[in-house]
Amino acid sequence: MVLRSEGEVKESQGDVLGVYRVVDTYCDKPVYKQDGGENYIYYSSASASWLVGTVVGHQHAWLRNNTDRAPDTRWVPDLTSGWESRPLLRSQGCLPAVWRSQDGQFTIEALPDMERVARLAEDFHASV
């Protein structure tokens, strides 16, 4: 999948954007690793959120989606809204406590082949 932004995330945390691929599982959901980067997308059952951060399972994250749909979602591009960010205050080296909505400025898109693979996997799981 591809993370894209034309807003605040691109300006303040452009290093989280790019291509992510499934590499593992955590909390019975896929973990996505950034190609050429240090970031992961993972589900945290502790916060009932999908998070984008550098340590799988850690609550310290750059982006999150904690909408009502998050706990039931396995395929992250299905979460088309509800993403929030906490931009790093690089001068202070910390994250502010306030999450900001990224609706309309941030997208997660499936790579064309990934959509086909996801449908095949769903069909396979439904037939088992």
Protein backbone atom coordinates (compact mmCIF):
# COMPACT_ATOMS: atom_id res chain seq x y z
CA MET A 1 0.00 0.00 0.00
CA VAL A 2 1.03 3.62 -0.41
CA LEU A 3 0.73 6.39 2.19
CA ARG A 4 0.30 9.82 0.57
CA SER A 5 -0.30 13.30 1.91
CA GLU A 6 -0.68 16.77 0.48
CA GLY A 7 -1.08 18.38 3.88
CA GLU A 8 0.47 18.58 7.31
CA VAL A 9 1.92 15.06 7.31
CA LYS A 10 3.87 15.74 4.12
CA GLU A 11 5.25 18.96 5.55
CA SER A 12 6.10 17.85 9.08
CA GLN A 13 6.60 14.07 8.76
CA GLY A 14 7.23 13.29 5.13
CA ASP A 15 9.48 10.39 6.16
CA VAL A 16 6.42 8.29 7.14
CA LEU A 17 5.03 8.45 3.60
CA GLY A 18 5.76 5.84 0.94
CA VAL A 19 5.20 2.18 0.14
CA TYR A 20 4.43 -0.34 2.89
CA ARG A 21 4.29 -4.13 2.53
CA VAL A 22 3.04 -6.89 4.84
CA VAL A 23 5.96 -8.42 6.78
CA ASP A 24 4.45 -10.01 9.89
CA THR A 25 1.42 -10.15 12.18
CA TYR A 26 0.70 -8.58 15.56
CA CYS A 27 -2.57 -8.81 17.54
CA ASP A 28 -3.78 -11.26 14.83
CA LYS A 29 -3.57 -8.52 12.18
CA PRO A 30 -1.00 -7.76 9.48
CA VAL A 31 2.04 -5.61 10.17
CA TYR A 32 3.18 -3.43 7.28
CA LYS A 33 6.83 -2.28 6.93
CA GLN A 34 7.89 0.82 5.05
CA ASP A 35 10.09 0.14 2.02
CA GLY A 36 13.47 1.77 2.68
CA GLY A 37 12.30 3.25 5.98
CA GLU A 38 11.94 2.50 9.68
CA ASN A 39 8.17 2.85 10.06
CA TYR A 40 5.46 0.21 10.52
CA ILE A 41 1.69 0.19 10.34
CA TYR A 42 0.21 -2.10 12.99
CA TYR A 43 -2.90 -2.62 15.05
CA SER A 44 -2.77 -2.10 18.82
CA SER A 45 -5.47 -3.88 20.80
CA ALA A 46 -4.48 -1.82 23.87
CA SER A 47 -5.67 1.37 22.19
CA ALA A 48 -8.04 -0.21 19.60
CA SER A 49 -6.13 1.74 16.95
CA TRP A 50 -4.12 1.30 13.79
CA LEU A 51 -0.83 3.14 14.33
CA VAL A 52 2.11 4.26 12.22
CA GLY A 53 5.32 4.29 14.22
CA THR A 54 8.82 2.90 14.47
CA VAL A 55 8.23 0.18 17.10
CA VAL A 56 5.47 -2.40 16.58
CA GLY A 57 3.27 -2.56 19.67
CA HIS A 58 4.42 0.76 21.09
CA GLN A 59 1.85 3.53 21.64
CA HIS A 60 4.36 6.21 20.56
CA ALA A 61 3.17 6.81 16.99
CA TRP A 62 3.06 9.47 14.29
CA LEU A 63 -0.35 8.56 12.89
CA ARG A 64 -3.38 6.71 14.21
CA ASN A 65 -6.86 5.61 13.30
CA ASN A 66 -9.03 4.81 16.30
CA THR A 67 -12.43 5.01 14.63
CA ASP A 68 -15.16 2.49 15.43
CA ARG A 69 -14.17 0.57 12.26
CA ALA A 70 -10.50 0.16 13.28
CA PRO A 71 -10.87 -2.99 15.45
CA ASP A 72 -12.71 -4.92 12.71
CA THR A 73 -10.46 -3.84 9.83
CA ARG A 74 -7.74 -6.16 8.51
CA TRP A 75 -7.01 -4.36 5.25
CA VAL A 76 -5.74 -0.88 6.19
CA PRO A 77 -6.71 0.87 2.89
CA ASP A 78 -10.35 0.23 3.93
CA LEU A 79 -9.87 2.93 6.59
CA THR A 80 -10.40 5.86 4.25
CA SER A 81 -11.14 8.40 6.97
CA GLY A 82 -10.42 8.99 10.63
CA TRP A 83 -6.62 9.26 10.39
CA GLU A 84 -4.97 11.67 12.81
CA SER A 85 -1.39 12.88 13.26
CA ARG A 86 0.82 14.24 16.00
CA PRO A 87 3.60 16.14 14.26
CA LEU A 88 7.02 15.87 15.83
CA LEU A 89 8.19 19.14 17.29
CA ARG A 90 11.74 18.65 16.02
CA SER A 91 13.09 21.65 17.90
CA GLN A 92 11.93 20.10 21.17
CA GLY A 93 12.33 16.45 20.13
CA CYS A 94 8.89 15.45 21.40
CA LEU A 95 5.35 14.72 20.28
CA PRO A 96 2.52 17.03 21.33
CA ALA A 97 -0.42 15.44 23.12
CA VAL A 98 -2.97 16.78 20.63
CA TRP A 99 -3.95 14.61 17.67
CA ARG A 100 -5.04 16.47 14.51
CA SER A 101 -7.47 15.15 11.90
CA GLN A 102 -5.94 14.42 8.49
CA ASP A 103 -9.22 13.76 6.64
CA GLY A 104 -8.98 15.00 3.07
CA GLN A 105 -5.21 15.49 3.26
CA PHE A 106 -3.94 11.96 3.88
CA THR A 107 -4.66 8.71 2.03
CA ILE A 108 -3.66 5.08 2.17
CA GLU A 109 -4.07 3.42 -1.20
CA ALA A 110 -3.75 -0.20 -2.15
CA LEU A 111 -1.20 -1.07 -4.80
CA PRO A 112 -3.10 -2.52 -7.79
CA ASP A 113 -1.74 -6.07 -7.35
CA MET A 114 -2.36 -5.92 -3.61
CA GLU A 115 -6.10 -5.43 -4.13
CA ARG A 116 -6.23 -8.59 -6.23
CA VAL A 117 -4.17 -10.55 -3.67
CA ALA A 118 -6.40 -9.29 -0.81
CA ARG A 119 -9.55 -10.46 -2.65
CA LEU A 120 -7.98 -13.87 -3.30
CA ALA A 121 -7.02 -14.19 0.37
CA GLU A 122 -10.54 -13.25 1.49
CA ASP A 123 -12.03 -15.79 -0.91
CA PHE A 124 -9.63 -18.44 0.37
CA HIS A 125 -10.46 -17.75 4.04
CA ALA A 126 -14.19 -17.80 3.27
CA SER A 127 -13.88 -21.22 1.65
CA VAL A 128 -11.94 -22.83 4.51
